[in-house]
Amino acid sequence: MAQAHFAPCPHCNSPLSYLEGVSGSSLTPKCPRCQAVVSVPRATFLMADNSRPAQKDSLETVKLRSS
C-alpha cells in the first residue's frame, strides 16, 4: 500500500512530498530542487510539494532587496 507524508528537504529545506511504495521509488531518492540524495528508511519517490502557498518574504528581506 502506498503512503505519503510531507517534510522539507534536509539539504535545501524545500517542501517535499515523500511517496512510499509507488512506482519509481528508490532507497536513494534525489531532491528535485537541489539534486542531493535524501536518506530514507524505505523505497521512496520524492516530489516537490506545490500544494501549499509559498512563504512570504519577511519585511527585512524585502528591504534588503530594494537597497
N, C-alpha and C. Protein backbone atom coordinates (compact mmCIF):
# COMPACT_ATOMS: atom_id res chain seq x y z
N MET A 1 0.83 -1.17 0.00
CA MET A 1 0.00 0.00 0.00
C MET A 1 0.89 1.25 0.00
N ALA A 2 0.55 2.20 -0.83
CA ALA A 2 1.32 3.45 -0.92
C ALA A 2 0.98 4.37 0.25
N GLN A 3 2.01 5.08 0.71
CA GLN A 3 1.84 6.06 1.78
C GLN A 3 2.55 7.33 1.40
N ALA A 4 2.11 8.45 1.96
CA ALA A 4 2.74 9.73 1.68
C ALA A 4 2.85 10.55 2.96
N HIS A 5 3.90 11.34 3.03
CA HIS A 5 3.99 12.35 4.08
C HIS A 5 4.73 13.55 3.51
N PHE A 6 4.62 14.65 4.20
CA PHE A 6 5.19 15.91 3.74
C PHE A 6 6.24 16.37 4.73
N ALA A 7 7.42 16.75 4.20
CA ALA A 7 8.51 17.22 5.04
C ALA A 7 9.48 18.00 4.15
N PRO A 8 10.29 18.84 4.76
CA PRO A 8 11.26 19.59 3.95
C PRO A 8 12.48 18.74 3.58
N CYS A 9 13.16 19.14 2.53
CA CYS A 9 14.43 18.51 2.16
C CYS A 9 15.43 18.84 3.27
N PRO A 10 16.17 17.86 3.76
CA PRO A 10 17.15 18.13 4.81
C PRO A 10 18.33 18.99 4.33
N HIS A 11 18.48 19.15 3.03
CA HIS A 11 19.60 19.91 2.49
C HIS A 11 19.23 21.35 2.14
N CYS A 12 18.14 21.52 1.36
CA CYS A 12 17.78 22.88 0.90
C CYS A 12 16.51 23.41 1.54
N ASN A 13 15.86 22.59 2.36
CA ASN A 13 14.65 22.97 3.10
C ASN A 13 13.43 23.23 2.21
N SER A 14 13.45 22.76 0.96
CA SER A 14 12.30 22.89 0.07
C SER A 14 11.21 21.92 0.52
N PRO A 15 9.94 22.30 0.43
CA PRO A 15 8.88 21.37 0.82
C PRO A 15 8.78 20.21 -0.18
N LEU A 16 8.73 19.00 0.36
CA LEU A 16 8.67 17.80 -0.48
C LEU A 16 7.53 16.88 -0.07
N SER A 17 7.04 16.11 -1.03
CA SER A 17 6.12 15.02 -0.77
C SER A 17 6.95 13.74 -0.84
N TYR A 18 6.92 12.95 0.23
CA TYR A 18 7.63 11.68 0.29
C TYR A 18 6.61 10.58 0.01
N LEU A 19 6.69 9.94 -1.15
CA LEU A 19 5.73 8.92 -1.56
C LEU A 19 6.40 7.55 -1.46
N GLU A 20 5.90 6.72 -0.56
CA GLU A 20 6.48 5.39 -0.33
C GLU A 20 5.62 4.33 -1.00
N GLY A 21 6.28 3.35 -1.63
CA GLY A 21 5.58 2.22 -2.22
C GLY A 21 4.93 2.52 -3.56
N VAL A 22 5.41 3.53 -4.26
CA VAL A 22 4.86 3.85 -5.58
C VAL A 22 5.88 3.50 -6.65
N SER A 23 5.44 3.41 -7.86
CA SER A 23 6.33 3.13 -8.99
C SER A 23 7.40 4.21 -9.08
N GLY A 24 8.64 3.81 -9.27
CA GLY A 24 9.74 4.75 -9.36
C GLY A 24 10.41 5.04 -8.04
N SER A 25 9.99 4.37 -6.96
CA SER A 25 10.60 4.55 -5.64
C SER A 25 12.03 4.06 -5.62
N SER A 26 12.85 4.67 -4.76
CA SER A 26 14.26 4.32 -4.65
C SER A 26 14.69 4.47 -3.20
N LEU A 27 15.73 3.74 -2.81
CA LEU A 27 16.31 3.92 -1.47
C LEU A 27 17.27 5.11 -1.43
N THR A 28 17.58 5.66 -2.60
CA THR A 28 18.46 6.83 -2.67
C THR A 28 17.83 7.91 -3.55
N PRO A 29 16.64 8.41 -3.16
CA PRO A 29 15.99 9.43 -3.98
C PRO A 29 16.73 10.76 -3.91
N LYS A 30 16.61 11.54 -4.97
CA LYS A 30 17.23 12.87 -5.01
C LYS A 30 16.16 13.94 -4.90
N CYS A 31 16.50 14.99 -4.19
CA CYS A 31 15.60 16.14 -4.10
C CYS A 31 15.44 16.73 -5.50
N PRO A 32 14.21 16.99 -5.94
CA PRO A 32 14.02 17.55 -7.27
C PRO A 32 14.54 18.98 -7.41
N ARG A 33 14.79 19.66 -6.31
CA ARG A 33 15.27 21.04 -6.39
C ARG A 33 16.79 21.14 -6.30
N CYS A 34 17.40 20.52 -5.26
CA CYS A 34 18.85 20.67 -5.08
C CYS A 34 19.64 19.46 -5.59
N GLN A 35 18.96 18.39 -5.97
CA GLN A 35 19.56 17.17 -6.51
C GLN A 35 20.41 16.39 -5.51
N ALA A 36 20.34 16.73 -4.22
CA ALA A 36 21.07 16.00 -3.19
C ALA A 36 20.31 14.72 -2.84
N VAL A 37 21.03 13.65 -2.54
CA VAL A 37 20.41 12.39 -2.13
C VAL A 37 19.85 12.55 -0.72
N VAL A 38 18.61 12.12 -0.55
CA VAL A 38 17.93 12.21 0.74
C VAL A 38 17.89 10.82 1.36
N SER A 39 18.31 10.71 2.59
CA SER A 39 18.33 9.43 3.30
C SER A 39 16.90 9.07 3.73
N VAL A 40 16.44 7.87 3.33
CA VAL A 40 15.09 7.40 3.68
C VAL A 40 15.16 5.94 4.14
N PRO A 41 14.26 5.53 5.05
CA PRO A 41 14.28 4.15 5.54
C PRO A 41 13.62 3.15 4.59
N ARG A 42 12.71 3.61 3.72
CA ARG A 42 12.01 2.73 2.78
C ARG A 42 12.08 3.33 1.38
N ALA A 43 11.89 2.50 0.37
CA ALA A 43 11.91 2.99 -1.01
C ALA A 43 10.89 4.12 -1.16
N THR A 44 11.37 5.24 -1.65
CA THR A 44 10.58 6.48 -1.67
C THR A 44 10.76 7.22 -2.99
N PHE A 45 9.71 7.88 -3.42
CA PHE A 45 9.76 8.77 -4.57
C PHE A 45 9.55 10.17 -4.03
N LEU A 46 10.45 11.10 -4.34
CA LEU A 46 10.33 12.48 -3.87
C LEU A 46 9.74 13.36 -4.95
N MET A 47 8.86 14.25 -4.53
CA MET A 47 8.22 15.17 -5.46
C MET A 47 8.12 16.54 -4.78
N ALA A 48 8.37 17.61 -5.53
CA ALA A 48 8.22 18.95 -4.98
C ALA A 48 6.78 19.14 -4.51
N ASP A 49 6.61 19.69 -3.33
CA ASP A 49 5.27 19.90 -2.76
C ASP A 49 4.81 21.31 -3.09
N ASN A 50 3.98 21.42 -4.13
CA ASN A 50 3.45 22.73 -4.53
C ASN A 50 2.02 22.92 -4.05
N SER A 51 1.58 22.09 -3.10
CA SER A 51 0.20 22.15 -2.64
C SER A 51 -0.04 23.25 -1.63
N ARG A 52 1.02 23.83 -1.11
CA ARG A 52 0.89 24.90 -0.12
C ARG A 52 1.41 26.20 -0.72
N PRO A 53 0.85 27.32 -0.30
CA PRO A 53 1.34 28.60 -0.84
C PRO A 53 2.78 28.86 -0.42
N ALA A 54 3.51 29.54 -1.28
CA ALA A 54 4.91 29.87 -0.97
C ALA A 54 4.95 30.80 0.22
N GLN A 55 6.01 30.67 1.01
CA GLN A 55 6.15 31.55 2.16
C GLN A 55 6.46 32.96 1.68
N LYS A 56 5.86 33.93 2.35
CA LYS A 56 6.10 35.33 2.00
C LYS A 56 7.47 35.74 2.52
N ASP A 57 8.15 36.60 1.75
CA ASP A 57 9.42 37.13 2.22
C ASP A 57 9.18 38.00 3.45
N SER A 58 10.10 37.96 4.37
CA SER A 58 9.98 38.81 5.54
C SER A 58 10.21 40.26 5.12
N LEU A 59 9.75 41.17 5.92
CA LEU A 59 9.92 42.59 5.63
C LEU A 59 11.40 42.93 5.52
N GLU A 60 12.23 42.31 6.35
CA GLU A 60 13.66 42.57 6.32
C GLU A 60 14.26 42.15 4.98
N THR A 61 13.86 40.99 4.45
CA THR A 61 14.36 40.52 3.17
C THR A 61 13.95 41.47 2.05
N VAL A 62 12.72 41.94 2.09
CA VAL A 62 12.24 42.87 1.07
C VAL A 62 13.04 44.16 1.12
N LYS A 63 13.35 44.67 2.31
CA LYS A 63 14.14 45.90 2.44
C LYS A 63 15.53 45.71 1.86
N LEU A 64 16.14 44.54 2.11
CA LEU A 64 17.48 44.28 1.60
C LEU A 64 17.48 44.23 0.08
N ARG A 65 16.46 43.66 -0.50
CA ARG A 65 16.38 43.55 -1.96
C ARG A 65 16.20 44.91 -2.62
N SER A 66 15.50 45.82 -1.96
CA SER A 66 15.24 47.12 -2.57
C SER A 66 16.41 48.09 -2.38
N SER A 67 17.36 47.75 -1.56
CA SER A 67 18.51 48.64 -1.31
C SER A 67 19.49 48.63 -2.45
